[in-house]
Amino acid sequence: MDFKTLFLILFATLIISLMSFVAAWFLRHKVTKYLHYLITFAAGVLLASAFFDLMPEGLHDVDLHLGLLFVLIGIILFFLIERFIHWHHCGKHDCHRESLGKLNLIGDSIHNFLDGIIIAGSFLINPLTGIFTSIAIVAHELPQEIGDYSILIHSGYTHKNALKMNVLVSLTALIGGIFGFFLLSSFETFLPFLVLLTAGGFIYIALSDIFPDLHQHKEERKIILEGIILILTLIVFWFLFSLLGHNH
């Protein structure tokens, strides 16, 4: 067993897991004041991650039509999960925002787990590839964690609970790293489909749960700023993912 490679994988995934704490610490005094705009940013990050990162990654090794089918299955799956949350935890009262938080935690857990597997696979190739891949993941993970933290606050979590849940969910990257080190070769065939299911989940959360909340604001200034934030977020992430590529 190559303990040096395992140590590098654990170290890299732990650093990435700490991004959630860094994001929460950065936002702790500002999130309430700017929550509306942070939620708009979060929607942009989810869509950009789905279309510019996860879908190109998953479709690279899968037939286009089959891959798009799994994206659609991901959308339907997250819809069913949300319906279950409403039925099991909400009864007859509205808990739209509560379900948004839980859905995002599920999607983020899978995404972080996949990041851990990707890091493990890159370090198994060679340490230099692992380092560059880890840097690429950190570059998009920090803004994503800012969006995730904002969604939890928007969903009614206290700052303390949002921080705790964000950190716990981010540790799935560590689990993914360990899983990838020991079992990647056995499950590599199924990973693109899991990536595409996650992409579908992110699309569902952004369009079904966050966008309807944005429609509640009628102020012209906020509507214009929403559009600017969304467009800029998508452009920046398109450039970021194009620059970093999907060599991992």
C-alpha atoms as a PDB file:
ATOM      1  CA  MET A   1       0.000   0.000   0.000  1.00  0.00           C
ATOM      2  CA  ASP A   2       1.326   3.437  -0.975  1.00  0.00           C
ATOM      3  CA  PHE A   3       0.883   5.369   2.284  1.00  0.00           C
ATOM      4  CA  LYS A   4       2.539   8.496   0.845  1.00  0.00           C
ATOM      5  CA  THR A   5      -0.115   8.768  -1.876  1.00  0.00           C
ATOM      6  CA  LEU A   6      -2.879   8.101   0.664  1.00  0.00           C
ATOM      7  CA  PHE A   7      -1.503  10.871   2.904  1.00  0.00           C
ATOM      8  CA  LEU A   8      -1.444  13.335  -0.024  1.00  0.00           C
ATOM      9  CA  ILE A   9      -5.046  12.436  -0.907  1.00  0.00           C
ATOM     10  CA  LEU A  10      -6.219  12.896   2.693  1.00  0.00           C
ATOM     11  CA  PHE A  11      -4.337  16.187   3.042  1.00  0.00           C
ATOM     12  CA  ALA A  12      -5.761  17.602  -0.219  1.00  0.00           C
ATOM     13  CA  THR A  13      -9.347  16.571   0.558  1.00  0.00           C
ATOM     14  CA  LEU A  14      -9.056  17.970   4.089  1.00  0.00           C
ATOM     15  CA  ILE A  15      -7.910  21.335   2.717  1.00  0.00           C
ATOM     16  CA  ILE A  16     -10.879  21.369   0.337  1.00  0.00           C
ATOM     17  CA  SER A  17     -13.216  20.430   3.206  1.00  0.00           C
ATOM     18  CA  LEU A  18     -11.970  23.472   5.138  1.00  0.00           C
ATOM     19  CA  MET A  19     -13.204  25.723   2.319  1.00  0.00           C
ATOM     20  CA  SER A  20     -16.701  25.574   3.815  1.00  0.00           C
ATOM     21  CA  PHE A  21     -15.404  26.965   7.118  1.00  0.00           C
ATOM     22  CA  VAL A  22     -13.482  29.700   5.293  1.00  0.00           C
ATOM     23  CA  ALA A  23     -16.591  30.658   3.313  1.00  0.00           C
ATOM     24  CA  ALA A  24     -18.777  30.782   6.437  1.00  0.00           C
ATOM     25  CA  TRP A  25     -16.190  32.786   8.368  1.00  0.00           C
ATOM     26  CA  PHE A  26     -15.961  35.287   5.517  1.00  0.00           C
ATOM     27  CA  LEU A  27     -19.746  35.732   5.395  1.00  0.00           C
ATOM     28  CA  ARG A  28     -20.648  35.569   9.078  1.00  0.00           C
ATOM     29  CA  HIS A  29     -21.302  39.328   9.482  1.00  0.00           C
ATOM     30  CA  LYS A  30     -22.543  40.089   5.963  1.00  0.00           C
ATOM     31  CA  VAL A  31     -24.778  37.202   4.961  1.00  0.00           C
ATOM     32  CA  THR A  32     -28.039  38.611   6.378  1.00  0.00           C
ATOM     33  CA  LYS A  33     -27.605  42.032   4.777  1.00  0.00           C
ATOM     34  CA  TYR A  34     -26.714  40.668   1.347  1.00  0.00           C
ATOM     35  CA  LEU A  35     -28.610  37.368   1.500  1.00  0.00           C
ATOM     36  CA  HIS A  36     -30.841  38.086  -1.512  1.00  0.00           C
ATOM     37  CA  TYR A  37     -27.856  38.715  -3.763  1.00  0.00           C
ATOM     38  CA  LEU A  38     -25.934  35.762  -2.343  1.00  0.00           C
ATOM     39  CA  ILE A  39     -28.874  33.485  -3.139  1.00  0.00           C
ATOM     40  CA  THR A  40     -28.870  34.832  -6.702  1.00  0.00           C
ATOM     41  CA  PHE A  41     -25.146  34.091  -6.833  1.00  0.00           C
ATOM     42  CA  ALA A  42     -25.804  30.579  -5.457  1.00  0.00           C
ATOM     43  CA  ALA A  43     -28.304  29.889  -8.272  1.00  0.00           C
ATOM     44  CA  GLY A  44     -25.703  30.974 -10.818  1.00  0.00           C
ATOM     45  CA  VAL A  45     -23.043  28.771  -9.215  1.00  0.00           C
ATOM     46  CA  LEU A  46     -25.338  25.713  -9.243  1.00  0.00           C
ATOM     47  CA  LEU A  47     -26.226  26.187 -12.917  1.00  0.00           C
ATOM     48  CA  ALA A  48     -22.624  26.901 -13.901  1.00  0.00           C
ATOM     49  CA  SER A  49     -21.403  23.828 -12.014  1.00  0.00           C
ATOM     50  CA  ALA A  50     -24.034  21.670 -13.702  1.00  0.00           C
ATOM     51  CA  PHE A  51     -23.552  22.904 -17.282  1.00  0.00           C
ATOM     52  CA  PHE A  52     -19.849  23.833 -17.364  1.00  0.00           C
ATOM     53  CA  ASP A  53     -18.348  21.291 -14.966  1.00  0.00           C
ATOM     54  CA  LEU A  54     -20.438  18.218 -14.149  1.00  0.00           C
ATOM     55  CA  MET A  55     -22.157  17.646 -17.515  1.00  0.00           C
ATOM     56  CA  PRO A  56     -18.986  17.951 -19.645  1.00  0.00           C
ATOM     57  CA  GLU A  57     -17.216  15.704 -17.126  1.00  0.00           C
ATOM     58  CA  GLY A  58     -19.943  13.046 -17.172  1.00  0.00           C
ATOM     59  CA  LEU A  59     -20.645  13.184 -20.916  1.00  0.00           C
ATOM     60  CA  HIS A  60     -16.959  12.735 -21.755  1.00  0.00           C
ATOM     61  CA  ASP A  61     -17.190   8.956 -21.280  1.00  0.00           C
ATOM     62  CA  VAL A  62     -20.909   8.366 -21.882  1.00  0.00           C
ATOM     63  CA  ASP A  63     -23.124   8.342 -24.979  1.00  0.00           C
ATOM     64  CA  LEU A  64     -24.749  11.778 -25.340  1.00  0.00           C
ATOM     65  CA  HIS A  65     -28.374  10.595 -25.318  1.00  0.00           C
ATOM     66  CA  LEU A  66     -27.808   8.195 -22.420  1.00  0.00           C
ATOM     67  CA  GLY A  67     -25.962  10.895 -20.493  1.00  0.00           C
ATOM     68  CA  LEU A  68     -28.737  13.459 -20.976  1.00  0.00           C
ATOM     69  CA  LEU A  69     -31.236  10.824 -19.846  1.00  0.00           C
ATOM     70  CA  PHE A  70     -29.345  10.554 -16.545  1.00  0.00           C
ATOM     71  CA  VAL A  71     -29.379  14.348 -16.156  1.00  0.00           C
ATOM     72  CA  LEU A  72     -33.173  14.203 -16.569  1.00  0.00           C
ATOM     73  CA  ILE A  73     -33.363  11.305 -14.090  1.00  0.00           C
ATOM     74  CA  GLY A  74     -31.357  13.451 -11.657  1.00  0.00           C
ATOM     75  CA  ILE A  75     -33.906  16.275 -11.990  1.00  0.00           C
ATOM     76  CA  ILE A  76     -36.805  13.879 -11.382  1.00  0.00           C
ATOM     77  CA  LEU A  77     -34.968  12.166  -8.514  1.00  0.00           C
ATOM     78  CA  PHE A  78     -34.437  15.443  -6.669  1.00  0.00           C
ATOM     79  CA  PHE A  79     -38.080  16.361  -7.297  1.00  0.00           C
ATOM     80  CA  LEU A  80     -39.141  13.076  -5.669  1.00  0.00           C
ATOM     81  CA  ILE A  81     -36.751  13.632  -2.757  1.00  0.00           C
ATOM     82  CA  GLU A  82     -38.255  17.085  -2.200  1.00  0.00           C
ATOM     83  CA  ARG A  83     -41.782  15.659  -2.354  1.00  0.00           C
ATOM     84  CA  PHE A  84     -40.800  13.101   0.287  1.00  0.00           C
ATOM     85  CA  ILE A  85     -39.375  15.863   2.510  1.00  0.00           C
ATOM     86  CA  HIS A  86     -42.631  17.830   2.168  1.00  0.00           C
ATOM     87  CA  TRP A  87     -44.760  14.773   2.896  1.00  0.00           C
ATOM     88  CA  HIS A  88     -42.705  13.311   5.739  1.00  0.00           C
ATOM     89  CA  HIS A  89     -41.565  16.448   7.565  1.00  0.00           C
ATOM     90  CA  CYS A  90     -44.005  19.210   6.662  1.00  0.00           C
ATOM     91  CA  GLY A  91     -47.504  17.775   6.656  1.00  0.00           C
ATOM     92  CA  LYS A  92     -49.917  20.441   5.453  1.00  0.00           C
ATOM     93  CA  HIS A  93     -47.837  23.531   6.250  1.00  0.00           C
ATOM     94  CA  ASP A  94     -45.410  25.064   3.727  1.00  0.00           C
ATOM     95  CA  CYS A  95     -41.757  24.198   4.218  1.00  0.00           C
ATOM     96  CA  HIS A  96     -40.396  25.147   0.812  1.00  0.00           C
ATOM     97  CA  ARG A  97     -37.296  26.820   2.219  1.00  0.00           C
ATOM     98  CA  GLU A  98     -36.639  23.988   4.659  1.00  0.00           C
ATOM     99  CA  SER A  99     -36.670  21.456   1.819  1.00  0.00           C
ATOM    100  CA  LEU A 100     -34.361  23.705  -0.229  1.00  0.00           C
ATOM    101  CA  GLY A 101     -31.732  23.507   2.496  1.00  0.00           C
ATOM    102  CA  LYS A 102     -31.979  19.728   2.774  1.00  0.00           C
ATOM    103  CA  LEU A 103     -31.892  19.227  -1.001  1.00  0.00           C
ATOM    104  CA  ASN A 104     -28.806  21.390  -1.280  1.00  0.00           C
ATOM    105  CA  LEU A 105     -27.079  19.414   1.479  1.00  0.00           C
ATOM    106  CA  ILE A 106     -27.783  16.185  -0.436  1.00  0.00           C
ATOM    107  CA  GLY A 107     -26.506  17.598  -3.725  1.00  0.00           C
ATOM    108  CA  ASP A 108     -23.447  19.150  -2.107  1.00  0.00           C
ATOM    109  CA  SER A 109     -22.620  15.878  -0.308  1.00  0.00           C
ATOM    110  CA  ILE A 110     -22.574  13.962  -3.599  1.00  0.00           C
ATOM    111  CA  HIS A 111     -20.585  16.717  -5.311  1.00  0.00           C
ATOM    112  CA  ASN A 112     -17.937  16.795  -2.559  1.00  0.00           C
ATOM    113  CA  PHE A 113     -17.759  12.998  -2.551  1.00  0.00           C
ATOM    114  CA  LEU A 114     -17.085  13.070  -6.296  1.00  0.00           C
ATOM    115  CA  ASP A 115     -14.428  15.751  -5.811  1.00  0.00           C
ATOM    116  CA  GLY A 116     -12.709  13.437  -3.329  1.00  0.00           C
ATOM    117  CA  ILE A 117     -12.760  10.577  -5.842  1.00  0.00           C
ATOM    118  CA  ILE A 118     -11.367  12.848  -8.574  1.00  0.00           C
ATOM    119  CA  ILE A 119      -8.545  13.966  -6.280  1.00  0.00           C
ATOM    120  CA  ALA A 120      -7.732  10.359  -5.386  1.00  0.00           C
ATOM    121  CA  GLY A 121      -7.660   9.356  -9.043  1.00  0.00           C
ATOM    122  CA  SER A 122      -5.366  12.239  -9.966  1.00  0.00           C
ATOM    123  CA  PHE A 123      -2.880  11.477  -7.166  1.00  0.00           C
ATOM    124  CA  LEU A 124      -2.878   7.818  -8.207  1.00  0.00           C
ATOM    125  CA  ILE A 125      -1.657   8.993 -11.635  1.00  0.00           C
ATOM    126  CA  ASN A 126       1.174  11.062 -10.122  1.00  0.00           C
ATOM    127  CA  PRO A 127       1.576  13.671  -7.342  1.00  0.00           C
ATOM    128  CA  LEU A 128       1.934  16.626  -9.749  1.00  0.00           C
ATOM    129  CA  THR A 129      -1.373  15.807 -11.461  1.00  0.00           C
ATOM    130  CA  GLY A 130      -2.961  15.506  -8.017  1.00  0.00           C
ATOM    131  CA  ILE A 131      -1.693  18.921  -6.946  1.00  0.00           C
ATOM    132  CA  PHE A 132      -2.927  20.674 -10.102  1.00  0.00           C
ATOM    133  CA  THR A 133      -6.305  18.927  -9.872  1.00  0.00           C
ATOM    134  CA  SER A 134      -6.646  19.936  -6.201  1.00  0.00           C
ATOM    135  CA  ILE A 135      -5.881  23.569  -7.059  1.00  0.00           C
ATOM    136  CA  ALA A 136      -8.520  23.469  -9.813  1.00  0.00           C
ATOM    137  CA  ILE A 137     -11.126  22.071  -7.409  1.00  0.00           C
ATOM    138  CA  VAL A 138     -10.275  24.640  -4.697  1.00  0.00           C
ATOM    139  CA  ALA A 139     -10.691  27.427  -7.274  1.00  0.00           C
ATOM    140  CA  HIS A 140     -14.345  26.544  -7.855  1.00  0.00           C
ATOM    141  CA  GLU A 141     -15.090  25.104  -4.409  1.00  0.00           C
ATOM    142  CA  LEU A 142     -14.726  28.365  -2.456  1.00  0.00           C
ATOM    143  CA  PRO A 143     -17.422  30.317  -4.361  1.00  0.00           C
ATOM    144  CA  GLN A 144     -19.625  27.203  -4.336  1.00  0.00           C
ATOM    145  CA  GLU A 145     -19.322  26.953  -0.547  1.00  0.00           C
ATOM    146  CA  ILE A 146     -20.291  30.630  -0.245  1.00  0.00           C
ATOM    147  CA  GLY A 147     -23.415  29.825  -2.243  1.00  0.00           C
ATOM    148  CA  ASP A 148     -24.168  26.708  -0.170  1.00  0.00           C
ATOM    149  CA  TYR A 149     -23.821  28.594   3.110  1.00  0.00           C
ATOM    150  CA  SER A 150     -26.109  31.352   1.819  1.00  0.00           C
ATOM    151  CA  ILE A 151     -28.757  28.781   0.826  1.00  0.00           C
ATOM    152  CA  LEU A 152     -28.715  27.273   4.339  1.00  0.00           C
ATOM    153  CA  ILE A 153     -29.181  30.703   5.945  1.00  0.00           C
ATOM    154  CA  HIS A 154     -31.979  31.442   3.452  1.00  0.00           C
ATOM    155  CA  SER A 155     -33.577  28.096   4.427  1.00  0.00           C
ATOM    156  CA  GLY A 156     -33.839  29.118   8.079  1.00  0.00           C
ATOM    157  CA  TYR A 157     -30.666  27.634   9.553  1.00  0.00           C
ATOM    158  CA  THR A 158     -28.896  29.648  12.243  1.00  0.00           C
ATOM    159  CA  HIS A 159     -25.342  30.759  11.463  1.00  0.00           C
ATOM    160  CA  LYS A 160     -24.000  28.131  13.880  1.00  0.00           C
ATOM    161  CA  ASN A 161     -26.058  25.286  12.407  1.00  0.00           C
ATOM    162  CA  ALA A 162     -25.324  26.365   8.831  1.00  0.00           C
ATOM    163  CA  LEU A 163     -21.605  26.353   9.607  1.00  0.00           C
ATOM    164  CA  LYS A 164     -21.837  22.946  11.295  1.00  0.00           C
ATOM    165  CA  MET A 165     -23.827  21.358   8.459  1.00  0.00           C
ATOM    166  CA  ASN A 166     -21.596  22.886   5.785  1.00  0.00           C
ATOM    167  CA  VAL A 167     -18.463  21.529   7.469  1.00  0.00           C
ATOM    168  CA  LEU A 168     -20.006  18.067   7.984  1.00  0.00           C
ATOM    169  CA  VAL A 169     -21.138  17.875   4.359  1.00  0.00           C
ATOM    170  CA  SER A 170     -17.744  19.051   3.118  1.00  0.00           C
ATOM    171  CA  LEU A 171     -16.110  16.095   4.896  1.00  0.00           C
ATOM    172  CA  THR A 172     -17.690  13.792   2.304  1.00  0.00           C
ATOM    173  CA  ALA A 173     -14.747  14.869   0.112  1.00  0.00           C
ATOM    174  CA  LEU A 174     -12.495  13.095   2.616  1.00  0.00           C
ATOM    175  CA  ILE A 175     -14.687   9.975   2.389  1.00  0.00           C
ATOM    176  CA  GLY A 176     -14.582  10.203  -1.404  1.00  0.00           C
ATOM    177  CA  GLY A 177     -10.787  10.429  -1.319  1.00  0.00           C
ATOM    178  CA  ILE A 178     -10.512   7.275   0.789  1.00  0.00           C
ATOM    179  CA  PHE A 179     -13.081   5.485  -1.376  1.00  0.00           C
ATOM    180  CA  GLY A 180     -11.219   6.504  -4.524  1.00  0.00           C
ATOM    181  CA  PHE A 181      -7.851   5.327  -3.198  1.00  0.00           C
ATOM    182  CA  PHE A 182      -9.090   1.842  -2.328  1.00  0.00           C
ATOM    183  CA  LEU A 183     -11.987   1.197  -4.735  1.00  0.00           C
ATOM    184  CA  LEU A 184     -11.768   3.547  -7.742  1.00  0.00           C
ATOM    185  CA  SER A 185     -10.866   0.826 -10.223  1.00  0.00           C
ATOM    186  CA  SER A 186     -13.884  -1.266  -9.178  1.00  0.00           C
ATOM    187  CA  PHE A 187     -16.515   1.484  -9.572  1.00  0.00           C
ATOM    188  CA  GLU A 188     -14.992   3.735 -12.233  1.00  0.00           C
ATOM    189  CA  THR A 189     -17.620   2.717 -14.819  1.00  0.00           C
ATOM    190  CA  PHE A 190     -20.480   4.080 -12.694  1.00  0.00           C
ATOM    191  CA  LEU A 191     -18.928   7.457 -11.794  1.00  0.00           C
ATOM    192  CA  PRO A 192     -19.999   9.383 -14.946  1.00  0.00           C
ATOM    193  CA  PHE A 193     -23.635   8.468 -14.256  1.00  0.00           C
ATOM    194  CA  LEU A 194     -23.367   9.690 -10.645  1.00  0.00           C
ATOM    195  CA  VAL A 195     -21.842  12.941 -11.924  1.00  0.00           C
ATOM    196  CA  LEU A 196     -24.751  13.428 -14.359  1.00  0.00           C
ATOM    197  CA  LEU A 197     -27.356  12.674 -11.663  1.00  0.00           C
ATOM    198  CA  THR A 198     -25.726  15.366  -9.508  1.00  0.00           C
ATOM    199  CA  ALA A 199     -25.856  17.815 -12.438  1.00  0.00           C
ATOM    200  CA  GLY A 200     -29.591  17.175 -12.753  1.00  0.00           C
ATOM    201  CA  GLY A 201     -30.007  17.764  -9.027  1.00  0.00           C
ATOM    202  CA  PHE A 202     -28.202  21.109  -9.195  1.00  0.00           C
ATOM    203  CA  ILE A 203     -30.349  22.213 -12.143  1.00  0.00           C
ATOM    204  CA  TYR A 204     -33.516  21.277 -10.229  1.00  0.00           C
ATOM    205  CA  ILE A 205     -32.461  23.141  -7.066  1.00  0.00           C
ATOM    206  CA  ALA A 206     -31.599  26.320  -8.983  1.00  0.00           C
ATOM    207  CA  LEU A 207     -34.658  26.441 -11.254  1.00  0.00           C
ATOM    208  CA  SER A 208     -37.327  24.928  -9.000  1.00  0.00           C
ATOM    209  CA  ASP A 209     -36.358  26.182  -5.544  1.00  0.00           C
ATOM    210  CA  ILE A 210     -34.218  29.312  -5.820  1.00  0.00           C
ATOM    211  CA  PHE A 211     -35.642  31.085  -8.881  1.00  0.00           C
ATOM    212  CA  PRO A 212     -39.236  31.097  -7.523  1.00  0.00           C
ATOM    213  CA  ASP A 213     -37.954  32.841  -4.380  1.00  0.00           C
ATOM    214  CA  LEU A 214     -36.239  35.479  -6.525  1.00  0.00           C
ATOM    215  CA  HIS A 215     -39.566  36.200  -8.241  1.00  0.00           C
ATOM    216  CA  GLN A 216     -40.990  37.390  -4.911  1.00  0.00           C
ATOM    217  CA  HIS A 217     -38.962  40.599  -5.122  1.00  0.00           C
ATOM    218  CA  LYS A 218     -40.567  43.239  -7.326  1.00  0.00           C
ATOM    219  CA  GLU A 219     -38.128  46.155  -6.862  1.00  0.00           C
ATOM    220  CA  GLU A 220     -36.664  47.237 -10.181  1.00  0.00           C
ATOM    221  CA  ARG A 221     -33.179  47.749  -8.712  1.00  0.00           C
ATOM    222  CA  LYS A 222     -33.097  44.227  -7.264  1.00  0.00           C
ATOM    223  CA  ILE A 223     -34.349  42.674 -10.510  1.00  0.00           C
ATOM    224  CA  ILE A 224     -31.612  44.408 -12.505  1.00  0.00           C
ATOM    225  CA  LEU A 225     -28.932  43.399 -10.000  1.00  0.00           C
ATOM    226  CA  GLU A 226     -30.193  39.801 -10.038  1.00  0.00           C
ATOM    227  CA  GLY A 227     -29.732  39.665 -13.794  1.00  0.00           C
ATOM    228  CA  ILE A 228     -26.257  41.202 -13.607  1.00  0.00           C
ATOM    229  CA  ILE A 229     -25.156  38.802 -10.840  1.00  0.00           C
ATOM    230  CA  LEU A 230     -26.475  35.741 -12.715  1.00  0.00           C
ATOM    231  CA  ILE A 231     -24.872  36.719 -16.024  1.00  0.00           C
ATOM    232  CA  LEU A 232     -21.527  37.628 -14.450  1.00  0.00           C
ATOM    233  CA  THR A 233     -21.488  34.416 -12.383  1.00  0.00           C
ATOM    234  CA  LEU A 234     -22.122  32.272 -15.459  1.00  0.00           C
ATOM    235  CA  ILE A 235     -19.481  34.123 -17.526  1.00  0.00           C
ATOM    236  CA  VAL A 236     -16.845  33.902 -14.782  1.00  0.00           C
ATOM    237  CA  PHE A 237     -17.474  30.215 -14.168  1.00  0.00           C
ATOM    238  CA  TRP A 238     -17.530  29.440 -17.902  1.00  0.00           C
ATOM    239  CA  PHE A 239     -14.122  31.096 -18.186  1.00  0.00           C
ATOM    240  CA  LEU A 240     -12.872  29.372 -15.033  1.00  0.00           C
ATOM    241  CA  PHE A 241     -13.900  25.878 -16.131  1.00  0.00           C
ATOM    242  CA  SER A 242     -12.647  26.510 -19.693  1.00  0.00           C
ATOM    243  CA  LEU A 243      -9.302  27.604 -18.270  1.00  0.00           C
ATOM    244  CA  LEU A 244      -8.991  24.742 -15.793  1.00  0.00           C
ATOM    245  CA  GLY A 245     -10.433  22.174 -18.193  1.00  0.00           C
ATOM    246  CA  HIS A 246     -11.410  18.603 -17.314  1.00  0.00           C
ATOM    247  CA  ASN A 247      -8.062  16.868 -17.621  1.00  0.00           C
ATOM    248  CA  HIS A 248      -8.695  15.042 -14.349  1.00  0.00           C
END
